[in-house]
Amino acid sequence: MKARALLGLLLVPALLLPPGAQATTAPTLTLAQQAKKAEVIVRATLGQPADVQEGGVTYAAYPLTVTETLAGDPAGLPQREGVPTLYFLKGVADLPALRAGQDVIALLYTARLDSPLVGFNQGWYPVVNGAIVNGVPVSGEAAPAVTPPPPVTGSPAVTPEAAITDPAKLRAAILAAREARP
C-alpha cells in the first residue's frame, strides 16, 4: 500500500505538466541566431578524444587545434592539459559525427554542458575537401542542411544557391551576423 502511495506522489508532478513538456526539443536556429548565441566561434581541427571523469560524470574530451578565431576567446573554453577542449557528455544522443583530424567551423558555448555546440549541436560545420559538408542555409528561415545532388559526369558540381559551401563565405556570414547583434 505504501508503494502505491509513493508511486502516486511521484507521478503527480508529471501529470501537472502541460502536454509535451516532458521532453526537451530544440528549435532549429538560423545561422544568424547561432552566431549571436555563440560565445566562441573557431575553425579548428579535432584531436584524439579521451574519456575524462569529473565529479562522477564521464565526458568525451576532444582537444582543439585552433586555426582561426572568428569570435570570442578560445582560452575561455574548457582546458585540458593547457589546450582548448570540447567536452561532450558520454552517451548523449544526436551528437554530430566527431573524429580526430576533422576540420570544422564550430559555434560554441563556454560553459560545461552536455554539448558545447550552440543550439543542441546545430553549430557544427565540418569542412571536407575545402567545402562545408551539406552546405549551410543562408535564408532568414531555419532550414535543414541542403545536400547537393551528385554532379553529372563531365559537368561541374551544382550547389543550391540557398546554401553556403565555401568556408570563407560561411566566415563572412557569421561575422556579418555578429556585427548585427543587438
Protein backbone atom coordinates (compact mmCIF):
# COMPACT_ATOMS: atom_id res chain seq x y z
CA MET A 1 0.00 0.00 0.00
CA LYS A 2 2.82 2.40 0.87
CA ALA A 3 4.46 1.65 -2.51
CA ARG A 4 1.27 2.70 -4.35
CA ALA A 5 1.05 5.94 -2.37
CA LEU A 6 4.70 6.71 -3.08
CA LEU A 7 4.25 5.96 -6.79
CA GLY A 8 1.21 8.24 -6.87
CA LEU A 9 3.21 11.07 -5.29
CA LEU A 10 5.95 10.63 -7.84
CA LEU A 11 3.54 10.70 -10.79
CA VAL A 12 1.53 13.76 -9.72
CA PRO A 13 4.14 16.33 -10.85
CA ALA A 14 4.36 14.70 -14.28
CA LEU A 15 0.60 14.84 -14.68
CA LEU A 16 0.55 18.55 -13.87
CA LEU A 17 2.94 19.44 -16.68
CA PRO A 18 1.41 20.74 -19.91
CA PRO A 19 1.32 18.23 -22.79
CA GLY A 20 4.69 17.94 -24.49
CA ALA A 21 6.58 19.44 -21.55
CA GLN A 22 8.15 16.13 -20.62
CA ALA A 23 10.75 16.14 -23.42
CA THR A 24 13.29 18.72 -24.45
CA THR A 25 13.11 19.78 -28.07
CA ALA A 26 15.46 22.20 -29.71
CA PRO A 27 14.13 24.75 -32.14
CA THR A 28 16.09 24.92 -35.36
CA LEU A 29 18.18 28.09 -35.35
CA THR A 30 19.19 30.17 -38.34
CA LEU A 31 22.89 30.73 -38.88
CA ALA A 32 22.42 34.32 -37.65
CA GLN A 33 20.77 33.08 -34.43
CA GLN A 34 23.57 30.58 -33.89
CA ALA A 35 26.23 33.25 -34.44
CA LYS A 36 24.57 35.58 -31.94
CA LYS A 37 24.28 32.87 -29.27
CA ALA A 38 27.85 31.61 -29.66
CA GLU A 39 30.40 32.76 -27.11
CA VAL A 40 33.35 31.40 -29.10
CA ILE A 41 33.50 30.69 -32.83
CA VAL A 42 36.54 28.93 -34.26
CA ARG A 43 37.84 27.00 -37.20
CA ALA A 44 39.78 24.11 -35.71
CA THR A 45 40.96 20.56 -36.07
CA LEU A 46 39.79 17.94 -33.58
CA GLY A 47 42.43 15.96 -31.73
CA GLN A 48 42.25 12.40 -30.45
CA PRO A 49 39.43 12.13 -27.88
CA ALA A 50 39.94 10.93 -24.33
CA ASP A 51 37.38 9.86 -21.75
CA VAL A 52 37.54 12.25 -18.79
CA GLN A 53 35.78 11.69 -15.45
CA GLU A 54 34.75 14.78 -13.49
CA GLY A 55 32.52 14.61 -10.45
CA GLY A 56 31.24 11.16 -11.37
CA VAL A 57 30.37 12.26 -14.92
CA THR A 58 32.17 10.94 -17.98
CA TYR A 59 32.92 13.20 -20.95
CA ALA A 60 34.49 12.57 -24.32
CA ALA A 61 37.10 15.34 -24.45
CA TYR A 62 38.32 16.46 -27.89
CA PRO A 63 41.34 18.78 -27.85
CA LEU A 64 41.23 21.57 -30.44
CA THR A 65 43.97 22.92 -32.61
CA VAL A 66 42.50 26.33 -33.37
CA THR A 67 43.48 27.58 -36.83
CA GLU A 68 41.29 30.70 -36.79
CA THR A 69 39.26 32.55 -34.18
CA LEU A 70 36.17 34.25 -35.59
CA ALA A 71 34.70 35.45 -32.29
CA GLY A 72 35.37 35.24 -28.59
CA ASP A 73 38.46 33.81 -26.94
CA PRO A 74 39.21 30.07 -27.21
CA ALA A 75 41.03 30.36 -23.86
CA GLY A 76 37.53 30.71 -22.36
CA LEU A 77 36.71 27.16 -23.44
CA PRO A 78 37.30 24.32 -21.00
CA GLN A 79 41.00 23.44 -21.00
CA ARG A 80 42.71 20.09 -20.75
CA GLU A 81 46.48 19.96 -20.48
CA GLY A 82 46.57 23.66 -21.44
CA VAL A 83 44.64 23.16 -24.70
CA PRO A 84 41.08 24.33 -25.54
CA THR A 85 38.95 21.19 -25.40
CA LEU A 86 35.38 20.29 -26.34
CA TYR A 87 33.69 18.20 -23.66
CA PHE A 88 30.72 16.09 -24.77
CA LEU A 89 28.75 14.18 -22.14
CA LYS A 90 29.18 10.47 -22.89
CA GLY A 91 26.00 8.83 -24.11
CA VAL A 92 24.27 12.00 -25.33
CA ALA A 93 22.05 11.25 -28.32
CA ASP A 94 22.19 13.10 -31.63
CA LEU A 95 25.77 14.35 -31.45
CA PRO A 96 27.29 15.13 -34.82
CA ALA A 97 29.85 12.71 -36.21
CA LEU A 98 33.11 13.55 -34.43
CA ARG A 99 36.52 12.19 -35.40
CA ALA A 100 40.13 13.06 -34.76
CA GLY A 101 41.66 15.08 -37.59
CA GLN A 102 38.30 16.58 -38.59
CA ASP A 103 38.44 20.22 -39.80
CA VAL A 104 35.41 22.17 -38.54
CA ILE A 105 33.89 25.57 -38.02
CA ALA A 106 32.31 25.41 -34.57
CA LEU A 107 29.95 27.82 -32.81
CA LEU A 108 30.41 27.14 -29.11
CA TYR A 109 29.24 27.84 -25.59
CA THR A 110 31.98 28.18 -22.97
CA ALA A 111 30.02 26.55 -20.12
CA ARG A 112 30.39 22.84 -19.43
CA LEU A 113 27.12 21.40 -20.79
CA ASP A 114 26.01 18.11 -22.36
CA SER A 115 27.42 19.53 -25.60
CA PRO A 116 29.37 22.75 -26.18
CA LEU A 117 27.77 23.27 -29.61
CA VAL A 118 25.25 26.08 -29.99
CA GLY A 119 21.63 25.05 -30.48
CA PHE A 120 21.81 21.46 -29.28
CA ASN A 121 24.58 20.56 -31.73
CA GLN A 122 23.49 22.82 -34.59
CA GLY A 123 26.66 24.96 -34.54
CA TRP A 124 28.89 22.31 -36.13
CA TYR A 125 30.12 22.70 -39.69
CA PRO A 126 32.61 20.08 -40.91
CA VAL A 127 34.91 21.11 -43.75
CA VAL A 128 35.87 18.33 -46.16
CA ASN A 129 38.00 18.89 -49.24
CA GLY A 130 37.66 22.65 -48.77
CA ALA A 131 33.84 22.68 -48.64
CA ILE A 132 31.24 22.79 -45.87
CA VAL A 133 29.58 19.38 -45.70
CA ASN A 134 25.93 19.60 -46.84
CA GLY A 135 26.06 23.40 -47.06
CA VAL A 136 24.59 25.95 -44.67
CA PRO A 137 21.18 27.53 -45.30
CA VAL A 138 21.52 31.28 -45.70
CA SER A 139 17.90 32.39 -45.79
CA GLY A 140 16.29 34.05 -42.80
CA GLU A 141 14.38 30.86 -42.15
CA ALA A 142 15.83 27.97 -40.24
CA ALA A 143 16.08 25.01 -42.53
CA PRO A 144 17.82 21.67 -42.57
CA ALA A 145 21.15 21.49 -44.35
CA VAL A 146 20.89 21.03 -48.08
CA THR A 147 22.55 18.03 -49.66
CA PRO A 148 23.51 18.91 -53.22
CA PRO A 149 22.72 16.34 -55.89
CA PRO A 150 25.70 14.39 -57.21
CA PRO A 151 27.24 16.04 -60.27
CA VAL A 152 26.57 14.58 -63.67
CA THR A 153 29.71 13.05 -65.15
CA GLY A 154 31.63 15.65 -67.11
CA SER A 155 29.77 18.63 -65.62
CA PRO A 156 30.76 20.92 -62.73
CA ALA A 157 29.23 20.26 -59.33
CA VAL A 158 25.92 22.01 -58.78
CA THR A 159 25.38 23.71 -55.43
CA PRO A 160 21.99 25.08 -54.40
CA GLU A 161 22.06 28.88 -54.28
CA ALA A 162 20.45 28.80 -50.84
CA ALA A 163 23.41 27.04 -49.24
CA ILE A 164 26.90 28.17 -48.30
CA THR A 165 29.56 25.58 -49.03
CA ASP A 166 32.63 27.85 -49.09
CA PRO A 167 34.25 28.24 -45.63
CA ALA A 168 35.24 31.86 -46.46
CA LYS A 169 31.60 32.70 -47.24
CA LEU A 170 30.46 31.00 -44.04
CA ARG A 171 33.06 33.04 -42.14
CA ALA A 172 31.72 36.26 -43.75
CA ALA A 173 28.09 35.32 -42.95
CA ILE A 174 28.97 34.57 -39.31
CA LEU A 175 30.87 37.85 -38.91
CA ALA A 176 28.03 39.83 -40.54
CA ALA A 177 25.52 38.22 -38.15
CA ARG A 178 27.74 39.02 -35.15
CA GLU A 179 28.04 42.66 -36.22
CA ALA A 180 24.24 42.87 -36.41
CA ARG A 181 23.98 41.85 -32.72
CA PRO A 182 21.50 43.95 -30.73
